[in-house]
Amino acid sequence: MPCSRPRRSLARDDGRYANSPLKPWFESLRSGYGQCCSDADGYVVADPDWESDHGHYRVLIDNEWVVVPNEAVITEPNKVGRTMVWKHYIDGHPSVRCFMPGSMT
């Protein structure tokens, strides 16, 4: 998948997904903070590492629970079905650029 690899792996596209039918979709994903794949790394998030409470999300990043800002939530349909987060760091702490909820199974 473009801009997404298993958790704890870098997500920038190194060319291995050049022929993936989802490549253009991943590259088009945007949150209120801008394009998801441009400056941040995408990770698949395991179900125990995220939660929803009354429409607000939290995600566990680097052993720290991070509140997902509403502007970071991707609201279009999730074509991969897995929860994903694109993170960056502010003052050494993880922050969420984009968050795409999946189906909790």
PDB file of N, CA and C in Angstrom:
ATOM      1  N   MET A   1       0.830  -1.176   0.000  1.00  0.00           N
ATOM      2  CA  MET A   1       0.000   0.000   0.000  1.00  0.00           C
ATOM      3  C   MET A   1       0.879   1.245   0.000  1.00  0.00           C
ATOM      4  N   PRO A   2       0.623   2.195  -0.835  1.00  0.00           N
ATOM      5  CA  PRO A   2       1.378   3.425  -0.807  1.00  0.00           C
ATOM      6  C   PRO A   2       1.177   4.147   0.517  1.00  0.00           C
ATOM      7  N   CYS A   3       2.236   4.734   0.992  1.00  0.00           N
ATOM      8  CA  CYS A   3       2.210   5.509   2.236  1.00  0.00           C
ATOM      9  C   CYS A   3       1.670   4.712   3.401  1.00  0.00           C
ATOM     10  N   SER A   4       1.724   3.406   3.348  1.00  0.00           N
ATOM     11  CA  SER A   4       1.330   2.615   4.511  1.00  0.00           C
ATOM     12  C   SER A   4       2.066   1.299   4.485  1.00  0.00           C
ATOM     13  N   ARG A   5       2.600   0.962   5.626  1.00  0.00           N
ATOM     14  CA  ARG A   5       3.268  -0.315   5.809  1.00  0.00           C
ATOM     15  C   ARG A   5       2.932  -0.775   7.206  1.00  0.00           C
ATOM     16  N   PRO A   6       3.332  -1.939   7.588  1.00  0.00           N
ATOM     17  CA  PRO A   6       3.016  -2.399   8.931  1.00  0.00           C
ATOM     18  C   PRO A   6       3.514  -1.436   9.994  1.00  0.00           C
ATOM     19  N   ARG A   7       2.868  -1.467  11.112  1.00  0.00           N
ATOM     20  CA  ARG A   7       3.180  -0.613  12.243  1.00  0.00           C
ATOM     21  C   ARG A   7       4.673  -0.650  12.565  1.00  0.00           C
ATOM     22  N   ARG A   8       5.180   0.492  12.939  1.00  0.00           N
ATOM     23  CA  ARG A   8       6.563   0.683  13.327  1.00  0.00           C
ATOM     24  C   ARG A   8       7.512   0.646  12.114  1.00  0.00           C
ATOM     25  N   SER A   9       6.957   0.732  10.928  1.00  0.00           N
ATOM     26  CA  SER A   9       7.780   0.812   9.727  1.00  0.00           C
ATOM     27  C   SER A   9       7.536   2.157   9.067  1.00  0.00           C
ATOM     28  N   LEU A  10       8.549   2.668   8.394  1.00  0.00           N
ATOM     29  CA  LEU A  10       8.354   3.915   7.678  1.00  0.00           C
ATOM     30  C   LEU A  10       7.321   3.716   6.591  1.00  0.00           C
ATOM     31  N   ALA A  11       6.596   4.764   6.276  1.00  0.00           N
ATOM     32  CA  ALA A  11       5.496   4.629   5.345  1.00  0.00           C
ATOM     33  C   ALA A  11       5.700   5.371   4.040  1.00  0.00           C
ATOM     34  N   ARG A  12       6.771   6.053   3.894  1.00  0.00           N
ATOM     35  CA  ARG A  12       6.958   6.771   2.651  1.00  0.00           C
ATOM     36  C   ARG A  12       7.094   5.765   1.516  1.00  0.00           C
ATOM     37  N   ASP A  13       6.543   6.135   0.387  1.00  0.00           N
ATOM     38  CA  ASP A  13       6.513   5.242  -0.755  1.00  0.00           C
ATOM     39  C   ASP A  13       7.905   5.141  -1.378  1.00  0.00           C
ATOM     40  N   ASP A  14       8.477   3.939  -1.356  1.00  0.00           N
ATOM     41  CA  ASP A  14       9.807   3.729  -1.925  1.00  0.00           C
ATOM     42  C   ASP A  14       9.734   3.117  -3.324  1.00  0.00           C
ATOM     43  N   GLY A  15       8.546   3.096  -3.901  1.00  0.00           N
ATOM     44  CA  GLY A  15       8.380   2.589  -5.255  1.00  0.00           C
ATOM     45  C   GLY A  15       7.826   1.184  -5.338  1.00  0.00           C
ATOM     46  N   ARG A  16       7.827   0.449  -4.240  1.00  0.00           N
ATOM     47  CA  ARG A  16       7.373  -0.935  -4.309  1.00  0.00           C
ATOM     48  C   ARG A  16       5.876  -1.053  -4.575  1.00  0.00           C
ATOM     49  N   TYR A  17       5.136   0.041  -4.366  1.00  0.00           N
ATOM     50  CA  TYR A  17       3.688   0.006  -4.590  1.00  0.00           C
ATOM     51  C   TYR A  17       3.284   0.802  -5.824  1.00  0.00           C
ATOM     52  N   ALA A  18       4.212   1.026  -6.701  1.00  0.00           N
ATOM     53  CA  ALA A  18       3.961   1.850  -7.879  1.00  0.00           C
ATOM     54  C   ALA A  18       2.798   1.347  -8.715  1.00  0.00           C
ATOM     55  N   ASN A  19       2.558   0.049  -8.730  1.00  0.00           N
ATOM     56  CA  ASN A  19       1.481  -0.506  -9.542  1.00  0.00           C
ATOM     57  C   ASN A  19       0.241  -0.875  -8.738  1.00  0.00           C
ATOM     58  N   SER A  20       0.200  -0.501  -7.472  1.00  0.00           N
ATOM     59  CA  SER A  20      -0.956  -0.809  -6.637  1.00  0.00           C
ATOM     60  C   SER A  20      -2.160  -0.004  -7.092  1.00  0.00           C
ATOM     61  N   PRO A  21      -3.336  -0.645  -7.186  1.00  0.00           N
ATOM     62  CA  PRO A  21      -4.527   0.113  -7.556  1.00  0.00           C
ATOM     63  C   PRO A  21      -4.938   1.127  -6.488  1.00  0.00           C
ATOM     64  N   LEU A  22      -4.441   0.994  -5.262  1.00  0.00           N
ATOM     65  CA  LEU A  22      -4.782   1.945  -4.200  1.00  0.00           C
ATOM     66  C   LEU A  22      -3.798   3.111  -4.097  1.00  0.00           C
ATOM     67  N   LYS A  23      -2.724   3.082  -4.868  1.00  0.00           N
ATOM     68  CA  LYS A  23      -1.718   4.147  -4.790  1.00  0.00           C
ATOM     69  C   LYS A  23      -2.327   5.542  -4.973  1.00  0.00           C
ATOM     70  N   PRO A  24      -3.104   5.797  -6.015  1.00  0.00           N
ATOM     71  CA  PRO A  24      -3.670   7.147  -6.171  1.00  0.00           C
ATOM     72  C   PRO A  24      -4.600   7.526  -5.015  1.00  0.00           C
ATOM     73  N   TRP A  25      -5.331   6.549  -4.486  1.00  0.00           N
ATOM     74  CA  TRP A  25      -6.229   6.832  -3.366  1.00  0.00           C
ATOM     75  C   TRP A  25      -5.428   7.250  -2.138  1.00  0.00           C
ATOM     76  N   PHE A  26      -4.384   6.487  -1.785  1.00  0.00           N
ATOM     77  CA  PHE A  26      -3.553   6.851  -0.639  1.00  0.00           C
ATOM     78  C   PHE A  26      -2.950   8.244  -0.828  1.00  0.00           C
ATOM     79  N   GLU A  27      -2.460   8.517  -2.015  1.00  0.00           N
ATOM     80  CA  GLU A  27      -1.827   9.805  -2.265  1.00  0.00           C
ATOM     81  C   GLU A  27      -2.814  10.961  -2.231  1.00  0.00           C
ATOM     82  N   SER A  28      -4.100  10.679  -2.389  1.00  0.00           N
ATOM     83  CA  SER A  28      -5.115  11.736  -2.370  1.00  0.00           C
ATOM     84  C   SER A  28      -5.678  12.004  -0.980  1.00  0.00           C
ATOM     85  N   LEU A  29      -5.367  11.153  -0.004  1.00  0.00           N
ATOM     86  CA  LEU A  29      -5.942  11.320   1.333  1.00  0.00           C
ATOM     87  C   LEU A  29      -5.500  12.631   1.962  1.00  0.00           C
ATOM     88  N   ARG A  30      -6.487  13.343   2.521  1.00  0.00           N
ATOM     89  CA  ARG A  30      -6.237  14.637   3.144  1.00  0.00           C
ATOM     90  C   ARG A  30      -7.042  14.743   4.426  1.00  0.00           C
ATOM     91  N   SER A  31      -6.478  15.440   5.372  1.00  0.00           N
ATOM     92  CA  SER A  31      -7.214  15.816   6.569  1.00  0.00           C
ATOM     93  C   SER A  31      -7.276  17.341   6.580  1.00  0.00           C
ATOM     94  N   GLY A  32      -7.792  17.901   7.654  1.00  0.00           N
ATOM     95  CA  GLY A  32      -7.809  19.352   7.779  1.00  0.00           C
ATOM     96  C   GLY A  32      -6.420  19.947   7.877  1.00  0.00           C
ATOM     97  N   TYR A  33      -5.400  19.103   8.054  1.00  0.00           N
ATOM     98  CA  TYR A  33      -4.013  19.553   8.138  1.00  0.00           C
ATOM     99  C   TYR A  33      -3.279  19.432   6.812  1.00  0.00           C
ATOM    100  N   GLY A  34      -3.954  18.930   5.797  1.00  0.00           N
ATOM    101  CA  GLY A  34      -3.323  18.799   4.491  1.00  0.00           C
ATOM    102  C   GLY A  34      -3.184  17.342   4.078  1.00  0.00           C
ATOM    103  N   GLN A  35      -2.364  17.132   3.053  1.00  0.00           N
ATOM    104  CA  GLN A  35      -2.165  15.803   2.497  1.00  0.00           C
ATOM    105  C   GLN A  35      -1.499  14.901   3.528  1.00  0.00           C
ATOM    106  N   CYS A  36      -2.033  13.700   3.698  1.00  0.00           N
ATOM    107  CA  CYS A  36      -1.526  12.785   4.726  1.00  0.00           C
ATOM    108  C   CYS A  36      -0.136  12.262   4.414  1.00  0.00           C
ATOM    109  N   CYS A  37       0.114  11.881   3.188  1.00  0.00           N
ATOM    110  CA  CYS A  37       1.375  11.232   2.831  1.00  0.00           C
ATOM    111  C   CYS A  37       2.508  12.207   2.582  1.00  0.00           C
ATOM    112  N   SER A  38       2.268  13.492   2.664  1.00  0.00           N
ATOM    113  CA  SER A  38       3.305  14.439   2.284  1.00  0.00           C
ATOM    114  C   SER A  38       4.426  14.557   3.313  1.00  0.00           C
ATOM    115  N   ASP A  39       4.103  14.729   4.576  1.00  0.00           N
ATOM    116  CA  ASP A  39       5.123  14.976   5.589  1.00  0.00           C
ATOM    117  C   ASP A  39       5.124  13.962   6.721  1.00  0.00           C
ATOM    118  N   ALA A  40       4.197  13.063   6.736  1.00  0.00           N
ATOM    119  CA  ALA A  40       4.041  12.174   7.890  1.00  0.00           C
ATOM    120  C   ALA A  40       4.107  10.715   7.444  1.00  0.00           C
ATOM    121  N   ASP A  41       4.427   9.843   8.398  1.00  0.00           N
ATOM    122  CA  ASP A  41       4.506   8.415   8.141  1.00  0.00           C
ATOM    123  C   ASP A  41       3.192   7.748   8.525  1.00  0.00           C
ATOM    124  N   GLY A  42       2.686   6.878   7.673  1.00  0.00           N
ATOM    125  CA  GLY A  42       1.443   6.169   7.941  1.00  0.00           C
ATOM    126  C   GLY A  42       1.706   4.814   8.560  1.00  0.00           C
ATOM    127  N   TYR A  43       0.924   4.465   9.543  1.00  0.00           N
ATOM    128  CA  TYR A  43       1.058   3.198  10.253  1.00  0.00           C
ATOM    129  C   TYR A  43      -0.305   2.547  10.407  1.00  0.00           C
ATOM    130  N   VAL A  44      -0.337   1.243  10.310  1.00  0.00           N
ATOM    131  CA  VAL A  44      -1.529   0.486  10.665  1.00  0.00           C
ATOM    132  C   VAL A  44      -1.574   0.409  12.183  1.00  0.00           C
ATOM    133  N   VAL A  45      -2.754   0.625  12.762  1.00  0.00           N
ATOM    134  CA  VAL A  45      -2.920   0.621  14.208  1.00  0.00           C
ATOM    135  C   VAL A  45      -3.753  -0.591  14.605  1.00  0.00           C
ATOM    136  N   ALA A  46      -3.253  -1.393  15.538  1.00  0.00           N
ATOM    137  CA  ALA A  46      -3.996  -2.557  16.035  1.00  0.00           C
ATOM    138  C   ALA A  46      -5.199  -2.078  16.849  1.00  0.00           C
ATOM    139  N   ASP A  47      -6.265  -2.871  16.853  1.00  0.00           N
ATOM    140  CA  ASP A  47      -7.491  -2.491  17.557  1.00  0.00           C
ATOM    141  C   ASP A  47      -7.279  -2.096  19.017  1.00  0.00           C
ATOM    142  N   PRO A  48      -6.432  -2.778  19.790  1.00  0.00           N
ATOM    143  CA  PRO A  48      -6.264  -2.359  21.187  1.00  0.00           C
ATOM    144  C   PRO A  48      -5.558  -1.006  21.347  1.00  0.00           C
ATOM    145  N   ASP A  49      -4.994  -0.494  20.258  1.00  0.00           N
ATOM    146  CA  ASP A  49      -4.207   0.729  20.344  1.00  0.00           C
ATOM    147  C   ASP A  49      -4.946   1.978  19.877  1.00  0.00           C
ATOM    148  N   TRP A  50      -6.276   1.878  19.742  1.00  0.00           N
ATOM    149  CA  TRP A  50      -7.066   3.066  19.457  1.00  0.00           C
ATOM    150  C   TRP A  50      -8.450   2.867  20.040  1.00  0.00           C
ATOM    151  N   GLU A  51      -9.123   3.986  20.282  1.00  0.00           N
ATOM    152  CA  GLU A  51     -10.469   3.906  20.840  1.00  0.00           C
ATOM    153  C   GLU A  51     -11.274   5.119  20.414  1.00  0.00           C
ATOM    154  N   SER A  52     -12.580   4.934  20.463  1.00  0.00           N
ATOM    155  CA  SER A  52     -13.516   5.992  20.131  1.00  0.00           C
ATOM    156  C   SER A  52     -14.459   6.182  21.302  1.00  0.00           C
ATOM    157  N   ASP A  53     -14.709   7.438  21.639  1.00  0.00           N
ATOM    158  CA  ASP A  53     -15.651   7.756  22.695  1.00  0.00           C
ATOM    159  C   ASP A  53     -16.471   8.957  22.246  1.00  0.00           C
ATOM    160  N   HIS A  54     -17.726   8.717  21.941  1.00  0.00           N
ATOM    161  CA  HIS A  54     -18.647   9.774  21.507  1.00  0.00           C
ATOM    162  C   HIS A  54     -18.100  10.549  20.307  1.00  0.00           C
ATOM    163  N   GLY A  55     -17.545   9.841  19.347  1.00  0.00           N
ATOM    164  CA  GLY A  55     -17.064  10.468  18.123  1.00  0.00           C
ATOM    165  C   GLY A  55     -15.687  11.092  18.215  1.00  0.00           C
ATOM    166  N   HIS A  56     -15.024  10.941  19.338  1.00  0.00           N
ATOM    167  CA  HIS A  56     -13.654  11.440  19.487  1.00  0.00           C
ATOM    168  C   HIS A  56     -12.725  10.244  19.612  1.00  0.00           C
ATOM    169  N   TYR A  57     -11.554  10.367  19.027  1.00  0.00           N
ATOM    170  CA  TYR A  57     -10.619   9.251  18.978  1.00  0.00           C
ATOM    171  C   TYR A  57      -9.369   9.528  19.804  1.00  0.00           C
ATOM    172  N   ARG A  58      -8.792   8.426  20.294  1.00  0.00           N
ATOM    173  CA  ARG A  58      -7.464   8.429  20.912  1.00  0.00           C
ATOM    174  C   ARG A  58      -6.695   7.280  20.296  1.00  0.00           C
ATOM    175  N   VAL A  59      -5.388   7.474  20.155  1.00  0.00           N
ATOM    176  CA  VAL A  59      -4.550   6.434  19.568  1.00  0.00           C
ATOM    177  C   VAL A  59      -3.247   6.346  20.359  1.00  0.00           C
ATOM    178  N   LEU A  60      -2.768   5.125  20.535  1.00  0.00           N
ATOM    179  CA  LEU A  60      -1.522   4.887  21.252  1.00  0.00           C
ATOM    180  C   LEU A  60      -0.360   4.974  20.263  1.00  0.00           C
ATOM    181  N   ILE A  61       0.499   5.972  20.478  1.00  0.00           N
ATOM    182  CA  ILE A  61       1.670   6.175  19.628  1.00  0.00           C
ATOM    183  C   ILE A  61       2.890   6.231  20.534  1.00  0.00           C
ATOM    184  N   ASP A  62       3.835   5.360  20.298  1.00  0.00           N
ATOM    185  CA  ASP A  62       5.080   5.347  21.075  1.00  0.00           C
ATOM    186  C   ASP A  62       4.795   5.321  22.579  1.00  0.00           C
ATOM    187  N   ASN A  63       3.875   4.448  22.980  1.00  0.00           N
ATOM    188  CA  ASN A  63       3.493   4.270  24.388  1.00  0.00           C
ATOM    189  C   ASN A  63       2.865   5.506  25.020  1.00  0.00           C
ATOM    190  N   GLU A  64       2.315   6.384  24.199  1.00  0.00           N
ATOM    191  CA  GLU A  64       1.655   7.596  24.696  1.00  0.00           C
ATOM    192  C   GLU A  64       0.280   7.701  24.037  1.00  0.00           C
ATOM    193  N   TRP A  65      -0.782   7.828  24.855  1.00  0.00           N
ATOM    194  CA  TRP A  65      -2.117   8.015  24.298  1.00  0.00           C
ATOM    195  C   TRP A  65      -2.243   9.449  23.796  1.00  0.00           C
ATOM    196  N   VAL A  66      -2.610   9.583  22.534  1.00  0.00           N
ATOM    197  CA  VAL A  66      -2.703  10.885  21.890  1.00  0.00           C
ATOM    198  C   VAL A  66      -4.149  11.111  21.457  1.00  0.00           C
ATOM    199  N   VAL A  67      -4.712  12.239  21.838  1.00  0.00           N
ATOM    200  CA  VAL A  67      -6.052  12.614  21.391  1.00  0.00           C
ATOM    201  C   VAL A  67      -5.954  13.024  19.929  1.00  0.00           C
ATOM    202  N   VAL A  68      -6.837  12.481  19.110  1.00  0.00           N
ATOM    203  CA  VAL A  68      -6.855  12.801  17.687  1.00  0.00           C
ATOM    204  C   VAL A  68      -7.702  14.061  17.493  1.00  0.00           C
ATOM    205  N   PRO A  69      -7.109  15.138  16.993  1.00  0.00           N
ATOM    206  CA  PRO A  69      -7.904  16.339  16.729  1.00  0.00           C
ATOM    207  C   PRO A  69      -8.953  16.064  15.658  1.00  0.00           C
ATOM    208  N   ASN A  70     -10.111  16.678  15.777  1.00  0.00           N
ATOM    209  CA  ASN A  70     -11.170  16.476  14.786  1.00  0.00           C
ATOM    210  C   ASN A  70     -10.681  16.776  13.375  1.00  0.00           C
ATOM    211  N   GLU A  71      -9.793  17.766  13.235  1.00  0.00           N
ATOM    212  CA  GLU A  71      -9.276  18.152  11.921  1.00  0.00           C
ATOM    213  C   GLU A  71      -8.424  17.049  11.288  1.00  0.00           C
ATOM    214  N   ALA A  72      -7.928  16.115  12.087  1.00  0.00           N
ATOM    215  CA  ALA A  72      -7.059  15.057  11.580  1.00  0.00           C
ATOM    216  C   ALA A  72      -7.827  13.841  11.072  1.00  0.00           C
ATOM    217  N   VAL A  73      -9.121  13.753  11.382  1.00  0.00           N
ATOM    218  CA  VAL A  73      -9.909  12.570  11.023  1.00  0.00           C
ATOM    219  C   VAL A  73     -10.268  12.604   9.544  1.00  0.00           C
ATOM    220  N   ILE A  74      -9.943  11.517   8.861  1.00  0.00           N
ATOM    221  CA  ILE A  74     -10.314  11.342   7.462  1.00  0.00           C
ATOM    222  C   ILE A  74     -11.715  10.754   7.447  1.00  0.00           C
ATOM    223  N   THR A  75     -12.637  11.422   6.790  1.00  0.00           N
ATOM    224  CA  THR A  75     -14.037  11.001   6.841  1.00  0.00           C
ATOM    225  C   THR A  75     -14.487  10.220   5.616  1.00  0.00           C
ATOM    226  N   GLU A  76     -13.659  10.126   4.595  1.00  0.00           N
ATOM    227  CA  GLU A  76     -14.072   9.361   3.425  1.00  0.00           C
ATOM    228  C   GLU A  76     -13.974   7.861   3.718  1.00  0.00           C
ATOM    229  N   PRO A  77     -14.656   7.037   2.939  1.00  0.00           N
ATOM    230  CA  PRO A  77     -14.639   5.589   3.192  1.00  0.00           C
ATOM    231  C   PRO A  77     -13.222   5.017   3.197  1.00  0.00           C
ATOM    232  N   ASN A  78     -12.995   4.120   4.144  1.00  0.00           N
ATOM    233  CA  ASN A  78     -11.702   3.476   4.322  1.00  0.00           C
ATOM    234  C   ASN A  78     -11.621   2.264   3.398  1.00  0.00           C
ATOM    235  N   LYS A  79     -10.831   2.356   2.346  1.00  0.00           N
ATOM    236  CA  LYS A  79     -10.731   1.285   1.348  1.00  0.00           C
ATOM    237  C   LYS A  79      -9.891   0.100   1.804  1.00  0.00           C
ATOM    238  N   VAL A  80      -9.099   0.256   2.860  1.00  0.00           N
ATOM    239  CA  VAL A  80      -8.279  -0.856   3.335  1.00  0.00           C
ATOM    240  C   VAL A  80      -8.894  -1.524   4.556  1.00  0.00           C
ATOM    241  N   GLY A  81      -9.821  -0.842   5.234  1.00  0.00           N
ATOM    242  CA  GLY A  81     -10.513  -1.428   6.373  1.00  0.00           C
ATOM    243  C   GLY A  81      -9.746  -1.395   7.676  1.00  0.00           C
ATOM    244  N   ARG A  82      -8.461  -1.109   7.635  1.00  0.00           N
ATOM    245  CA  ARG A  82      -7.635  -1.078   8.843  1.00  0.00           C
ATOM    246  C   ARG A  82      -7.473   0.355   9.324  1.00  0.00           C
ATOM    247  N   THR A  83      -7.383   0.504  10.629  1.00  0.00           N
ATOM    248  CA  THR A  83      -7.155   1.819  11.201  1.00  0.00           C
ATOM    249  C   THR A  83      -5.730   2.252  10.892  1.00  0.00           C
ATOM    250  N   MET A  84      -5.589   3.511  10.488  1.00  0.00           N
ATOM    251  CA  MET A  84      -4.268   4.027  10.167  1.00  0.00           C
ATOM    252  C   MET A  84      -4.082   5.406  10.780  1.00  0.00           C
ATOM    253  N   VAL A  85      -2.845   5.708  11.106  1.00  0.00           N
ATOM    254  CA  VAL A  85      -2.495   7.022  11.634  1.00  0.00           C
ATOM    255  C   VAL A  85      -1.231   7.509  10.941  1.00  0.00           C
ATOM    256  N   TRP A  86      -1.217   8.792  10.640  1.00  0.00           N
ATOM    257  CA  TRP A  86      -0.035   9.450  10.107  1.00  0.00           C
ATOM    258  C   TRP A  86       0.414  10.412  11.205  1.00  0.00           C
ATOM    259  N   LYS A  87       1.606  10.202  11.717  1.00  0.00           N
ATOM    260  CA  LYS A  87       2.062  10.971  12.873  1.00  0.00           C
ATOM    261  C   LYS A  87       3.222  11.870  12.512  1.00  0.00           C
ATOM    262  N   HIS A  88       3.428  12.838  13.377  1.00  0.00           N
ATOM    263  CA  HIS A  88       4.620  13.665  13.355  1.00  0.00           C
ATOM    264  C   HIS A  88       4.900  14.036  14.811  1.00  0.00           C
ATOM    265  N   TYR A  89       5.945  14.753  15.044  1.00  0.00           N
ATOM    266  CA  TYR A  89       6.328  15.068  16.425  1.00  0.00           C
ATOM    267  C   TYR A  89       6.384  16.574  16.646  1.00  0.00           C
ATOM    268  N   ILE A  90       5.897  16.973  17.795  1.00  0.00           N
ATOM    269  CA  ILE A  90       5.974  18.365  18.227  1.00  0.00           C
ATOM    270  C   ILE A  90       6.628  18.363  19.600  1.00  0.00           C
ATOM    271  N   ASP A  91       7.745  19.036  19.719  1.00  0.00           N
ATOM    272  CA  ASP A  91       8.494  19.084  20.982  1.00  0.00           C
ATOM    273  C   ASP A  91       8.759  17.691  21.546  1.00  0.00           C
ATOM    274  N   GLY A  92       9.056  16.739  20.658  1.00  0.00           N
ATOM    275  CA  GLY A  92       9.397  15.387  21.082  1.00  0.00           C
ATOM    276  C   GLY A  92       8.218  14.480  21.397  1.00  0.00           C
ATOM    277  N   HIS A  93       7.001  14.985  21.260  1.00  0.00           N
ATOM    278  CA  HIS A  93       5.813  14.174  21.541  1.00  0.00           C
ATOM    279  C   HIS A  93       5.062  13.889  20.242  1.00  0.00           C
ATOM    280  N   PRO A  94       4.487  12.675  20.133  1.00  0.00           N
ATOM    281  CA  PRO A  94       3.747  12.355  18.919  1.00  0.00           C
ATOM    282  C   PRO A  94       2.476  13.186  18.805  1.00  0.00           C
ATOM    283  N   SER A  95       2.160  13.537  17.583  1.00  0.00           N
ATOM    284  CA  SER A  95       0.939  14.258  17.257  1.00  0.00           C
ATOM    285  C   SER A  95       0.361  13.612  16.003  1.00  0.00           C
ATOM    286  N   VAL A  96      -0.914  13.782  15.772  1.00  0.00           N
ATOM    287  CA  VAL A  96      -1.591  13.126  14.651  1.00  0.00           C
ATOM    288  C   VAL A  96      -1.862  14.132  13.539  1.00  0.00           C
ATOM    289  N   ARG A  97      -1.345  13.819  12.357  1.00  0.00           N
ATOM    290  CA  ARG A  97      -1.628  14.643  11.164  1.00  0.00           C
ATOM    291  C   ARG A  97      -2.904  14.133  10.492  1.00  0.00           C
ATOM    292  N   CYS A  98      -3.027  12.811  10.384  1.00  0.00           N
ATOM    293  CA  CYS A  98      -4.190  12.187   9.771  1.00  0.00           C
ATOM    294  C   CYS A  98      -4.537  10.912  10.534  1.00  0.00           C
ATOM    295  N   PHE A  99      -5.823  10.634  10.644  1.00  0.00           N
ATOM    296  CA  PHE A  99      -6.289   9.417  11.309  1.00  0.00           C
ATOM    297  C   PHE A  99      -7.466   8.882  10.506  1.00  0.00           C
ATOM    298  N   MET A 100      -7.377   7.609  10.151  1.00  0.00           N
ATOM    299  CA  MET A 100      -8.440   6.965   9.401  1.00  0.00           C
ATOM    300  C   MET A 100      -8.929   5.762  10.190  1.00  0.00           C
ATOM    301  N   PRO A 101     -10.112   5.891  10.833  1.00  0.00           N
ATOM    302  CA  PRO A 101     -10.613   4.770  11.627  1.00  0.00           C
ATOM    303  C   PRO A 101     -10.960   3.583  10.754  1.00  0.00           C
ATOM    304  N   GLY A 102     -10.758   2.408  11.308  1.00  0.00           N
ATOM    305  CA  GLY A 102     -11.122   1.174  10.632  1.00  0.00           C
ATOM    306  C   GLY A 102     -12.281   0.538  11.361  1.00  0.00           C
ATOM    307  N   SER A 103     -12.524  -0.698  11.060  1.00  0.00           N
ATOM    308  CA  SER A 103     -13.582  -1.411  11.753  1.00  0.00           C
ATOM    309  C   SER A 103     -12.954  -2.205  12.898  1.00  0.00           C
ATOM    310  N   MET A 104     -13.427  -1.992  14.093  1.00  0.00           N
ATOM    311  CA  MET A 104     -12.887  -2.721  15.241  1.00  0.00           C
ATOM    312  C   MET A 104     -13.438  -4.142  15.188  1.00  0.00           C
ATOM    313  N   THR A 105     -12.520  -5.105  15.098  1.00  0.00           N
ATOM    314  CA  THR A 105     -12.956  -6.495  15.006  1.00  0.00           C
ATOM    315  C   THR A 105     -12.491  -7.281  16.199  1.00  0.00           C
TER     316      THR A 105
END
